[in-house]
């Protein structure tokens, strides 16, 4: 039993910075510790900021070891002067195949 508890404590959470392309051609970025669940909430209209921008698709994400790292990455785009240009470069260089598993909406 003690070993099981230690295993749980040693499991490291992964955090994500992500970018969604919305139906009005705008981009939305955020961070989460469960990318699939968060995307499902966006797609079902449960997130206020993207509720009326559906349908949307995941076009980019990065993994981080801590929430603060993912949050800092998000803030670079929400507060940066070069946000649009940098975001477009990231999206165009990101392999679309990496997002396919997340963008298949049937199991969300």
PDB file of N, CA and C in Angstrom:
ATOM      1  N   UNK A   1       0.823  -1.198   0.000  1.00  0.00           N
ATOM      2  CA  UNK A   1       0.000   0.000   0.000  1.00  0.00           C
ATOM      3  C   UNK A   1       0.867   1.261   0.000  1.00  0.00           C
ATOM      4  N   UNK A   2       1.928   1.262   0.802  1.00  0.00           N
ATOM      5  CA  UNK A   2       2.819   2.418   0.868  1.00  0.00           C
ATOM      6  C   UNK A   2       3.483   2.649  -0.489  1.00  0.00           C
ATOM      7  N   UNK A   3       3.883   1.563  -1.164  1.00  0.00           N
ATOM      8  CA  UNK A   3       4.506   1.688  -2.478  1.00  0.00           C
ATOM      9  C   UNK A   3       3.542   2.314  -3.478  1.00  0.00           C
ATOM     10  N   UNK A   4       2.268   1.941  -3.414  1.00  0.00           N
ATOM     11  CA  UNK A   4       1.250   2.488  -4.310  1.00  0.00           C
ATOM     12  C   UNK A   4       1.109   3.994  -4.101  1.00  0.00           C
ATOM     13  N   UNK A   5       1.061   4.418  -2.858  1.00  0.00           N
ATOM     14  CA  UNK A   5       0.942   5.848  -2.552  1.00  0.00           C
ATOM     15  C   UNK A   5       2.175   6.597  -3.047  1.00  0.00           C
ATOM     16  N   UNK A   6       3.345   6.023  -2.858  1.00  0.00           N
ATOM     17  CA  UNK A   6       4.567   6.658  -3.343  1.00  0.00           C
ATOM     18  C   UNK A   6       4.562   6.776  -4.865  1.00  0.00           C
ATOM     19  N   UNK A   7       4.064   5.745  -5.540  1.00  0.00           N
ATOM     20  CA  UNK A   7       3.972   5.799  -6.998  1.00  0.00           C
ATOM     21  C   UNK A   7       3.076   6.946  -7.451  1.00  0.00           C
ATOM     22  N   UNK A   8       1.967   7.148  -6.768  1.00  0.00           N
ATOM     23  CA  UNK A   8       1.044   8.236  -7.105  1.00  0.00           C
ATOM     24  C   UNK A   8       1.720   9.584  -6.895  1.00  0.00           C
ATOM     25  N   UNK A   9       2.437   9.722  -5.796  1.00  0.00           N
ATOM     26  CA  UNK A   9       3.101  10.989  -5.495  1.00  0.00           C
ATOM     27  C   UNK A   9       4.228  11.298  -6.474  1.00  0.00           C
ATOM     28  N   UNK A  10       4.852  10.266  -7.015  1.00  0.00           N
ATOM     29  CA  UNK A  10       5.963  10.466  -7.929  1.00  0.00           C
ATOM     30  C   UNK A  10       5.531  10.718  -9.365  1.00  0.00           C
ATOM     31  N   UNK A  11       4.264  10.462  -9.660  1.00  0.00           N
ATOM     32  CA  UNK A  11       3.768  10.711 -11.012  1.00  0.00           C
ATOM     33  C   UNK A  11       3.769  12.219 -11.244  1.00  0.00           C
ATOM     34  N   UNK A  12       4.443  12.615 -12.275  1.00  0.00           N
ATOM     35  CA  UNK A  12       4.586  14.028 -12.573  1.00  0.00           C
ATOM     36  C   UNK A  12       3.476  14.471 -13.521  1.00  0.00           C
ATOM     37  N   UNK A  13       2.797  15.526 -13.176  1.00  0.00           N
ATOM     38  CA  UNK A  13       1.763  16.065 -14.054  1.00  0.00           C
ATOM     39  C   UNK A  13       2.411  16.767 -15.230  1.00  0.00           C
ATOM     40  N   UNK A  14       1.776  16.683 -16.362  1.00  0.00           N
ATOM     41  CA  UNK A  14       2.229  17.370 -17.557  1.00  0.00           C
ATOM     42  C   UNK A  14       1.255  18.529 -17.801  1.00  0.00           C
ATOM     43  N   UNK A  15       1.785  19.643 -18.212  1.00  0.00           N
ATOM     44  CA  UNK A  15       0.963  20.815 -18.512  1.00  0.00           C
ATOM     45  C   UNK A  15       1.168  21.185 -19.969  1.00  0.00           C
ATOM     46  N   UNK A  16       0.159  21.822 -20.536  1.00  0.00           N
ATOM     47  CA  UNK A  16       0.169  22.128 -21.960  1.00  0.00           C
ATOM     48  C   UNK A  16      -0.176  23.588 -22.208  1.00  0.00           C
ATOM     49  N   UNK A  17       0.498  24.178 -23.165  1.00  0.00           N
ATOM     50  CA  UNK A  17       0.105  25.442 -23.774  1.00  0.00           C
ATOM     51  C   UNK A  17      -0.488  25.039 -25.119  1.00  0.00           C
ATOM     52  N   UNK A  18      -1.630  25.602 -25.489  1.00  0.00           N
ATOM     53  CA  UNK A  18      -2.274  25.178 -26.735  1.00  0.00           C
ATOM     54  C   UNK A  18      -2.855  26.370 -27.488  1.00  0.00           C
ATOM     55  N   UNK A  19      -3.027  26.172 -28.796  1.00  0.00           N
ATOM     56  CA  UNK A  19      -3.643  27.178 -29.663  1.00  0.00           C
ATOM     57  C   UNK A  19      -4.771  26.505 -30.440  1.00  0.00           C
ATOM     58  N   UNK A  20      -5.923  27.150 -30.440  1.00  0.00           N
ATOM     59  CA  UNK A  20      -7.078  26.693 -31.208  1.00  0.00           C
ATOM     60  C   UNK A  20      -7.332  27.667 -32.355  1.00  0.00           C
ATOM     61  N   UNK A  21      -7.721  27.133 -33.498  1.00  0.00           N
ATOM     62  CA  UNK A  21      -8.173  27.967 -34.607  1.00  0.00           C
ATOM     63  C   UNK A  21      -9.694  27.917 -34.594  1.00  0.00           C
ATOM     64  N   UNK A  22     -10.311  29.071 -34.450  1.00  0.00           N
ATOM     65  CA  UNK A  22     -11.770  29.152 -34.322  1.00  0.00           C
ATOM     66  C   UNK A  22     -12.428  29.363 -35.684  1.00  0.00           C
ATOM     67  N   UNK A  23     -13.755  29.167 -35.721  1.00  0.00           N
ATOM     68  CA  UNK A  23     -14.491  29.246 -36.993  1.00  0.00           C
ATOM     69  C   UNK A  23     -14.463  30.646 -37.605  1.00  0.00           C
ATOM     70  N   UNK A  24     -14.216  31.686 -36.814  1.00  0.00           N
ATOM     71  CA  UNK A  24     -14.141  33.051 -37.340  1.00  0.00           C
ATOM     72  C   UNK A  24     -12.704  33.425 -37.722  1.00  0.00           C
ATOM     73  N   UNK A  25     -11.838  32.411 -37.788  1.00  0.00           N
ATOM     74  CA  UNK A  25     -10.424  32.538 -38.167  1.00  0.00           C
ATOM     75  C   UNK A  25      -9.559  33.200 -37.096  1.00  0.00           C
ATOM     76  N   UNK A  26     -10.106  33.432 -35.913  1.00  0.00           N
ATOM     77  CA  UNK A  26      -9.290  33.937 -34.816  1.00  0.00           C
ATOM     78  C   UNK A  26      -8.577  32.761 -34.157  1.00  0.00           C
ATOM     79  N   UNK A  27      -7.579  33.083 -33.357  1.00  0.00           N
ATOM     80  CA  UNK A  27      -6.846  32.064 -32.607  1.00  0.00           C
ATOM     81  C   UNK A  27      -7.112  32.276 -31.119  1.00  0.00           C
ATOM     82  N   UNK A  28      -7.225  31.192 -30.405  1.00  0.00           N
ATOM     83  CA  UNK A  28      -7.386  31.242 -28.955  1.00  0.00           C
ATOM     84  C   UNK A  28      -6.244  30.434 -28.354  1.00  0.00           C
ATOM     85  N   UNK A  29      -5.595  30.969 -27.327  1.00  0.00           N
ATOM     86  CA  UNK A  29      -4.552  30.193 -26.668  1.00  0.00           C
ATOM     87  C   UNK A  29      -4.836  30.105 -25.179  1.00  0.00           C
ATOM     88  N   UNK A  30      -4.391  28.997 -24.598  1.00  0.00           N
ATOM     89  CA  UNK A  30      -4.607  28.767 -23.176  1.00  0.00           C
ATOM     90  C   UNK A  30      -3.624  27.731 -22.664  1.00  0.00           C
ATOM     91  N   UNK A  31      -3.803  27.347 -21.405  1.00  0.00           N
ATOM     92  CA  UNK A  31      -2.972  26.293 -20.825  1.00  0.00           C
ATOM     93  C   UNK A  31      -3.852  25.392 -19.965  1.00  0.00           C
ATOM     94  N   UNK A  32      -3.407  24.150 -19.790  1.00  0.00           N
ATOM     95  CA  UNK A  32      -4.187  23.160 -19.054  1.00  0.00           C
ATOM     96  C   UNK A  32      -3.289  22.002 -18.642  1.00  0.00           C
ATOM     97  N   UNK A  33      -3.785  21.185 -17.734  1.00  0.00           N
ATOM     98  CA  UNK A  33      -3.057  19.965 -17.379  1.00  0.00           C
ATOM     99  C   UNK A  33      -3.693  18.732 -18.029  1.00  0.00           C
ATOM    100  N   UNK A  34      -4.796  18.923 -18.748  1.00  0.00           N
ATOM    101  CA  UNK A  34      -5.454  17.815 -19.448  1.00  0.00           C
ATOM    102  C   UNK A  34      -5.960  18.336 -20.790  1.00  0.00           C
ATOM    103  N   UNK A  35      -5.137  18.199 -21.801  1.00  0.00           N
ATOM    104  CA  UNK A  35      -5.441  18.788 -23.101  1.00  0.00           C
ATOM    105  C   UNK A  35      -6.706  18.213 -23.729  1.00  0.00           C
ATOM    106  N   UNK A  36      -6.854  16.915 -23.664  1.00  0.00           N
ATOM    107  CA  UNK A  36      -8.025  16.281 -24.280  1.00  0.00           C
ATOM    108  C   UNK A  36      -9.323  16.739 -23.611  1.00  0.00           C
ATOM    109  N   UNK A  37      -9.329  16.772 -22.298  1.00  0.00           N
ATOM    110  CA  UNK A  37     -10.522  17.203 -21.570  1.00  0.00           C
ATOM    111  C   UNK A  37     -10.843  18.674 -21.845  1.00  0.00           C
ATOM    112  N   UNK A  38      -9.819  19.507 -21.837  1.00  0.00           N
ATOM    113  CA  UNK A  38     -10.027  20.941 -22.074  1.00  0.00           C
ATOM    114  C   UNK A  38     -10.543  21.189 -23.478  1.00  0.00           C
ATOM    115  N   UNK A  39      -9.982  20.498 -24.470  1.00  0.00           N
ATOM    116  CA  UNK A  39     -10.459  20.643 -25.837  1.00  0.00           C
ATOM    117  C   UNK A  39     -11.920  20.207 -25.935  1.00  0.00           C
ATOM    118  N   UNK A  40     -12.266  19.119 -25.263  1.00  0.00           N
ATOM    119  CA  UNK A  40     -13.657  18.668 -25.248  1.00  0.00           C
ATOM    120  C   UNK A  40     -14.596  19.732 -24.706  1.00  0.00           C
ATOM    121  N   UNK A  41     -14.184  20.428 -23.655  1.00  0.00           N
ATOM    122  CA  UNK A  41     -15.008  21.507 -23.089  1.00  0.00           C
ATOM    123  C   UNK A  41     -15.161  22.658 -24.073  1.00  0.00           C
ATOM    124  N   UNK A  42     -14.081  22.990 -24.773  1.00  0.00           N
ATOM    125  CA  UNK A  42     -14.172  24.040 -25.800  1.00  0.00           C
ATOM    126  C   UNK A  42     -15.164  23.620 -26.884  1.00  0.00           C
ATOM    127  N   UNK A  43     -15.039  22.388 -27.354  1.00  0.00           N
ATOM    128  CA  UNK A  43     -15.870  21.915 -28.469  1.00  0.00           C
ATOM    129  C   UNK A  43     -17.348  21.819 -28.094  1.00  0.00           C
ATOM    130  N   UNK A  44     -17.633  21.581 -26.826  1.00  0.00           N
ATOM    131  CA  UNK A  44     -19.019  21.468 -26.369  1.00  0.00           C
ATOM    132  C   UNK A  44     -19.606  22.809 -25.933  1.00  0.00           C
ATOM    133  N   UNK A  45     -18.827  23.877 -26.044  1.00  0.00           N
ATOM    134  CA  UNK A  45     -19.324  25.203 -25.693  1.00  0.00           C
ATOM    135  C   UNK A  45     -19.339  25.486 -24.205  1.00  0.00           C
ATOM    136  N   UNK A  46     -18.548  24.766 -23.449  1.00  0.00           N
ATOM    137  CA  UNK A  46     -18.528  24.945 -21.991  1.00  0.00           C
ATOM    138  C   UNK A  46     -17.501  25.973 -21.523  1.00  0.00           C
ATOM    139  N   UNK A  47     -16.747  26.536 -22.455  1.00  0.00           N
ATOM    140  CA  UNK A  47     -15.765  27.564 -22.124  1.00  0.00           C
ATOM    141  C   UNK A  47     -16.294  28.889 -22.667  1.00  0.00           C
ATOM    142  N   UNK A  48     -16.539  29.833 -21.776  1.00  0.00           N
ATOM    143  CA  UNK A  48     -17.188  31.089 -22.128  1.00  0.00           C
ATOM    144  C   UNK A  48     -16.481  31.813 -23.270  1.00  0.00           C
ATOM    145  N   UNK A  49     -15.162  31.895 -23.220  1.00  0.00           N
ATOM    146  CA  UNK A  49     -14.421  32.700 -24.194  1.00  0.00           C
ATOM    147  C   UNK A  49     -14.438  32.141 -25.614  1.00  0.00           C
ATOM    148  N   UNK A  50     -14.774  30.868 -25.774  1.00  0.00           N
ATOM    149  CA  UNK A  50     -14.812  30.294 -27.128  1.00  0.00           C
ATOM    150  C   UNK A  50     -16.196  29.723 -27.479  1.00  0.00           C
ATOM    151  N   UNK A  51     -17.144  29.916 -26.619  1.00  0.00           N
ATOM    152  CA  UNK A  51     -18.476  29.320 -26.798  1.00  0.00           C
ATOM    153  C   UNK A  51     -19.100  29.641 -28.161  1.00  0.00           C
ATOM    154  N   UNK A  52     -18.960  30.872 -28.614  1.00  0.00           N
ATOM    155  CA  UNK A  52     -19.597  31.290 -29.869  1.00  0.00           C
ATOM    156  C   UNK A  52     -18.620  31.303 -31.049  1.00  0.00           C
ATOM    157  N   UNK A  53     -17.509  30.627 -30.890  1.00  0.00           N
ATOM    158  CA  UNK A  53     -16.508  30.568 -31.963  1.00  0.00           C
ATOM    159  C   UNK A  53     -16.351  29.150 -32.498  1.00  0.00           C
ATOM    160  N   UNK A  54     -17.308  28.290 -32.199  1.00  0.00           N
ATOM    161  CA  UNK A  54     -17.250  26.906 -32.649  1.00  0.00           C
ATOM    162  C   UNK A  54     -17.766  26.797 -34.077  1.00  0.00           C
ATOM    163  N   UNK A  55     -17.345  25.805 -34.813  1.00  0.00           N
ATOM    164  CA  UNK A  55     -16.385  24.764 -34.438  1.00  0.00           C
ATOM    165  C   UNK A  55     -14.961  25.314 -34.447  1.00  0.00           C
ATOM    166  N   UNK A  56     -14.074  24.578 -33.827  1.00  0.00           N
ATOM    167  CA  UNK A  56     -12.675  24.971 -33.750  1.00  0.00           C
ATOM    168  C   UNK A  56     -11.823  23.720 -33.797  1.00  0.00           C
ATOM    169  N   UNK A  57     -10.525  23.927 -33.989  1.00  0.00           N
ATOM    170  CA  UNK A  57      -9.631  22.781 -34.000  1.00  0.00           C
ATOM    171  C   UNK A  57      -8.319  23.144 -33.311  1.00  0.00           C
ATOM    172  N   UNK A  58      -7.712  22.158 -32.725  1.00  0.00           N
ATOM    173  CA  UNK A  58      -6.399  22.312 -32.125  1.00  0.00           C
ATOM    174  C   UNK A  58      -5.376  22.383 -33.250  1.00  0.00           C
ATOM    175  N   UNK A  59      -4.546  23.441 -33.241  1.00  0.00           N
ATOM    176  CA  UNK A  59      -3.550  23.583 -34.297  1.00  0.00           C
ATOM    177  C   UNK A  59      -2.121  23.579 -33.762  1.00  0.00           C
ATOM    178  N   UNK A  60      -1.954  23.666 -32.434  1.00  0.00           N
ATOM    179  CA  UNK A  60      -0.613  23.701 -31.860  1.00  0.00           C
ATOM    180  C   UNK A  60      -0.678  23.409 -30.367  1.00  0.00           C
ATOM    181  N   UNK A  61       0.339  22.720 -29.869  1.00  0.00           N
ATOM    182  CA  UNK A  61       0.488  22.593 -28.417  1.00  0.00           C
ATOM    183  C   UNK A  61       1.939  22.323 -28.056  1.00  0.00           C
ATOM    184  N   UNK A  62       2.285  22.661 -26.826  1.00  0.00           N
ATOM    185  CA  UNK A  62       3.602  22.392 -26.262  1.00  0.00           C
ATOM    186  C   UNK A  62       3.403  21.774 -24.887  1.00  0.00           C
ATOM    187  N   UNK A  63       4.309  20.893 -24.497  1.00  0.00           N
ATOM    188  CA  UNK A  63       4.263  20.258 -23.177  1.00  0.00           C
ATOM    189  C   UNK A  63       5.252  20.943 -22.239  1.00  0.00           C
ATOM    190  N   UNK A  64       4.854  21.046 -20.972  1.00  0.00           N
ATOM    191  CA  UNK A  64       5.704  21.633 -19.942  1.00  0.00           C
ATOM    192  C   UNK A  64       5.644  20.793 -18.675  1.00  0.00           C
ATOM    193  N   UNK A  65       6.677  20.912 -17.872  1.00  0.00           N
ATOM    194  CA  UNK A  65       6.745  20.171 -16.608  1.00  0.00           C
ATOM    195  C   UNK A  65       5.989  20.850 -15.478  1.00  0.00           C
ATOM    196  N   UNK A  66       5.702  22.139 -15.615  1.00  0.00           N
ATOM    197  CA  UNK A  66       5.006  22.832 -14.527  1.00  0.00           C
ATOM    198  C   UNK A  66       3.930  23.760 -15.084  1.00  0.00           C
ATOM    199  N   UNK A  67       2.962  24.045 -14.246  1.00  0.00           N
ATOM    200  CA  UNK A  67       1.886  24.954 -14.624  1.00  0.00           C
ATOM    201  C   UNK A  67       2.444  26.349 -14.880  1.00  0.00           C
ATOM    202  N   UNK A  68       3.390  26.772 -14.068  1.00  0.00           N
ATOM    203  CA  UNK A  68       3.936  28.124 -14.231  1.00  0.00           C
ATOM    204  C   UNK A  68       4.632  28.287 -15.585  1.00  0.00           C
ATOM    205  N   UNK A  69       5.305  27.246 -16.065  1.00  0.00           N
ATOM    206  CA  UNK A  69       5.940  27.320 -17.386  1.00  0.00           C
ATOM    207  C   UNK A  69       4.887  27.452 -18.485  1.00  0.00           C
ATOM    208  N   UNK A  70       3.829  26.655 -18.401  1.00  0.00           N
ATOM    209  CA  UNK A  70       2.757  26.709 -19.408  1.00  0.00           C
ATOM    210  C   UNK A  70       2.057  28.064 -19.368  1.00  0.00           C
ATOM    211  N   UNK A  71       1.832  28.583 -18.173  1.00  0.00           N
ATOM    212  CA  UNK A  71       1.179  29.881 -18.016  1.00  0.00           C
ATOM    213  C   UNK A  71       2.056  31.002 -18.591  1.00  0.00           C
ATOM    214  N   UNK A  72       3.352  30.947 -18.321  1.00  0.00           N
ATOM    215  CA  UNK A  72       4.273  31.953 -18.869  1.00  0.00           C
ATOM    216  C   UNK A  72       4.242  31.944 -20.401  1.00  0.00           C
ATOM    217  N   UNK A  73       4.199  30.749 -20.972  1.00  0.00           N
ATOM    218  CA  UNK A  73       4.140  30.631 -22.432  1.00  0.00           C
ATOM    219  C   UNK A  73       2.853  31.256 -22.959  1.00  0.00           C
ATOM    220  N   UNK A  74       1.737  30.986 -22.295  1.00  0.00           N
ATOM    221  CA  UNK A  74       0.460  31.577 -22.696  1.00  0.00           C
ATOM    222  C   UNK A  74       0.538  33.102 -22.648  1.00  0.00           C
ATOM    223  N   UNK A  75       1.109  33.649 -21.589  1.00  0.00           N
ATOM    224  CA  UNK A  75       1.189  35.099 -21.424  1.00  0.00           C
ATOM    225  C   UNK A  75       2.069  35.761 -22.475  1.00  0.00           C
ATOM    226  N   UNK A  76       3.032  35.018 -23.006  1.00  0.00           N
ATOM    227  CA  UNK A  76       3.855  35.558 -24.089  1.00  0.00           C
ATOM    228  C   UNK A  76       2.990  35.917 -25.294  1.00  0.00           C
ATOM    229  N   UNK A  77       1.937  35.157 -25.515  1.00  0.00           N
ATOM    230  CA  UNK A  77       1.074  35.402 -26.663  1.00  0.00           C
ATOM    231  C   UNK A  77      -0.062  36.350 -26.335  1.00  0.00           C
ATOM    232  N   UNK A  78      -0.520  36.351 -25.124  1.00  0.00           N
ATOM    233  CA  UNK A  78      -1.623  37.237 -24.772  1.00  0.00           C
ATOM    234  C   UNK A  78      -1.154  38.665 -24.532  1.00  0.00           C
ATOM    235  N   UNK A  79       0.117  38.855 -24.225  1.00  0.00           N
ATOM    236  CA  UNK A  79       0.633  40.189 -23.933  1.00  0.00           C
ATOM    237  C   UNK A  79       1.680  40.674 -24.928  1.00  0.00           C
ATOM    238  N   UNK A  80       2.098  39.800 -25.846  1.00  0.00           N
ATOM    239  CA  UNK A  80       3.200  40.152 -26.741  1.00  0.00           C
ATOM    240  C   UNK A  80       2.780  40.995 -27.926  1.00  0.00           C
ATOM    241  N   UNK A  81       3.689  41.858 -28.371  1.00  0.00           N
ATOM    242  CA  UNK A  81       3.429  42.712 -29.526  1.00  0.00           C
ATOM    243  C   UNK A  81       3.478  41.925 -30.831  1.00  0.00           C
ATOM    244  N   UNK A  82       4.268  40.870 -30.857  1.00  0.00           N
ATOM    245  CA  UNK A  82       4.421  40.084 -32.092  1.00  0.00           C
ATOM    246  C   UNK A  82       3.549  38.829 -32.060  1.00  0.00           C
ATOM    247  N   UNK A  83       2.500  38.871 -31.307  1.00  0.00           N
ATOM    248  CA  UNK A  83       1.648  37.706 -31.083  1.00  0.00           C
ATOM    249  C   UNK A  83       1.192  37.030 -32.379  1.00  0.00           C
ATOM    250  N   UNK A  84       0.564  37.767 -33.265  1.00  0.00           N
ATOM    251  CA  UNK A  84      -0.025  37.164 -34.462  1.00  0.00           C
ATOM    252  C   UNK A  84       1.040  36.530 -35.358  1.00  0.00           C
ATOM    253  N   UNK A  85       2.112  37.267 -35.626  1.00  0.00           N
ATOM    254  CA  UNK A  85       3.176  36.757 -36.497  1.00  0.00           C
ATOM    255  C   UNK A  85       3.844  35.516 -35.897  1.00  0.00           C
ATOM    256  N   UNK A  86       4.163  35.571 -34.621  1.00  0.00           N
ATOM    257  CA  UNK A  86       4.815  34.444 -33.952  1.00  0.00           C
ATOM    258  C   UNK A  86       3.891  33.235 -33.906  1.00  0.00           C
ATOM    259  N   UNK A  87       2.624  33.468 -33.614  1.00  0.00           N
ATOM    260  CA  UNK A  87       1.659  32.376 -33.530  1.00  0.00           C
ATOM    261  C   UNK A  87       1.523  31.686 -34.888  1.00  0.00           C
ATOM    262  N   UNK A  88       1.455  32.447 -35.958  1.00  0.00           N
ATOM    263  CA  UNK A  88       1.332  31.872 -37.294  1.00  0.00           C
ATOM    264  C   UNK A  88       2.571  31.047 -37.656  1.00  0.00           C
ATOM    265  N   UNK A  89       3.754  31.517 -37.274  1.00  0.00           N
ATOM    266  CA  UNK A  89       4.979  30.762 -37.539  1.00  0.00           C
ATOM    267  C   UNK A  89       4.977  29.437 -36.788  1.00  0.00           C
ATOM    268  N   UNK A  90       4.552  29.471 -35.520  1.00  0.00           N
ATOM    269  CA  UNK A  90       4.489  28.232 -34.728  1.00  0.00           C
ATOM    270  C   UNK A  90       3.517  27.240 -35.355  1.00  0.00           C
ATOM    271  N   UNK A  91       2.339  27.716 -35.706  1.00  0.00           N
ATOM    272  CA  UNK A  91       1.309  26.840 -36.264  1.00  0.00           C
ATOM    273  C   UNK A  91       1.764  26.236 -37.590  1.00  0.00           C
ATOM    274  N   UNK A  92       2.331  27.056 -38.456  1.00  0.00           N
ATOM    275  CA  UNK A  92       2.730  26.544 -39.776  1.00  0.00           C
ATOM    276  C   UNK A  92       3.894  25.554 -39.689  1.00  0.00           C
ATOM    277  N   UNK A  93       4.717  25.656 -38.651  1.00  0.00           N
ATOM    278  CA  UNK A  93       5.845  24.733 -38.526  1.00  0.00           C
ATOM    279  C   UNK A  93       5.510  23.484 -37.701  1.00  0.00           C
ATOM    280  N   UNK A  94       4.319  23.452 -37.108  1.00  0.00           N
ATOM    281  CA  UNK A  94       3.932  22.339 -36.243  1.00  0.00           C
ATOM    282  C   UNK A  94       3.331  21.207 -37.074  1.00  0.00           C
ATOM    283  N   UNK A  95       3.780  19.969 -36.882  1.00  0.00           N
ATOM    284  CA  UNK A  95       3.233  18.838 -37.650  1.00  0.00           C
ATOM    285  C   UNK A  95       1.736  18.630 -37.356  1.00  0.00           C
ATOM    286  N   UNK A  96       0.917  18.762 -38.370  1.00  0.00           N
ATOM    287  CA  UNK A  96      -0.535  18.623 -38.203  1.00  0.00           C
ATOM    288  C   UNK A  96      -0.919  17.247 -37.665  1.00  0.00           C
ATOM    289  N   UNK A  97      -0.109  16.259 -37.950  1.00  0.00           N
ATOM    290  CA  UNK A  97      -0.398  14.894 -37.494  1.00  0.00           C
ATOM    291  C   UNK A  97      -0.415  14.805 -35.966  1.00  0.00           C
ATOM    292  N   UNK A  98       0.327  15.665 -35.286  1.00  0.00           N
ATOM    293  CA  UNK A  98       0.358  15.627 -33.826  1.00  0.00           C
ATOM    294  C   UNK A  98      -0.984  16.035 -33.223  1.00  0.00           C
ATOM    295  N   UNK A  99      -1.779  16.798 -33.953  1.00  0.00           N
ATOM    296  CA  UNK A  99      -3.072  17.269 -33.446  1.00  0.00           C
ATOM    297  C   UNK A  99      -4.224  16.361 -33.846  1.00  0.00           C
ATOM    298  N   UNK A 100      -4.003  15.457 -34.777  1.00  0.00           N
ATOM    299  CA  UNK A 100      -5.100  14.648 -35.304  1.00  0.00           C
ATOM    300  C   UNK A 100      -5.822  13.852 -34.235  1.00  0.00           C
ATOM    301  N   UNK A 101      -5.121  13.256 -33.306  1.00  0.00           N
ATOM    302  CA  UNK A 101      -5.776  12.484 -32.255  1.00  0.00           C
ATOM    303  C   UNK A 101      -6.673  13.331 -31.384  1.00  0.00           C
ATOM    304  N   UNK A 102      -6.299  14.591 -31.209  1.00  0.00           N
ATOM    305  CA  UNK A 102      -7.114  15.497 -30.396  1.00  0.00           C
ATOM    306  C   UNK A 102      -8.291  16.038 -31.194  1.00  0.00           C
ATOM    307  N   UNK A 103      -8.139  16.176 -32.493  1.00  0.00           N
ATOM    308  CA  UNK A 103      -9.174  16.776 -33.318  1.00  0.00           C
ATOM    309  C   UNK A 103     -10.224  15.780 -33.803  1.00  0.00           C
ATOM    310  N   UNK A 104     -10.064  14.500 -33.478  1.00  0.00           N
ATOM    311  CA  UNK A 104     -11.120  13.541 -33.801  1.00  0.00           C
ATOM    312  C   UNK A 104     -12.140  13.624 -32.680  1.00  0.00           C
ATOM    313  N   UNK A 105     -13.238  14.287 -32.944  1.00  0.00           N
ATOM    314  CA  UNK A 105     -14.204  14.680 -31.913  1.00  0.00           C
ATOM    315  C   UNK A 105     -15.118  13.563 -31.426  1.00  0.00           C
ATOM    316  N   UNK A 106     -15.047  12.419 -32.015  1.00  0.00           N
ATOM    317  CA  UNK A 106     -15.997  11.367 -31.688  1.00  0.00           C
ATOM    318  C   UNK A 106     -15.921  10.897 -30.244  1.00  0.00           C
ATOM    319  N   UNK A 107     -14.736  10.927 -29.627  1.00  0.00           N
ATOM    320  CA  UNK A 107     -14.641  10.402 -28.263  1.00  0.00           C
ATOM    321  C   UNK A 107     -14.518  11.494 -27.208  1.00  0.00           C
ATOM    322  N   UNK A 108     -14.790  12.756 -27.569  1.00  0.00           N
ATOM    323  CA  UNK A 108     -14.725  13.843 -26.591  1.00  0.00           C
ATOM    324  C   UNK A 108     -16.066  14.083 -25.954  1.00  0.00           C
TER     325      UNK A 108
END
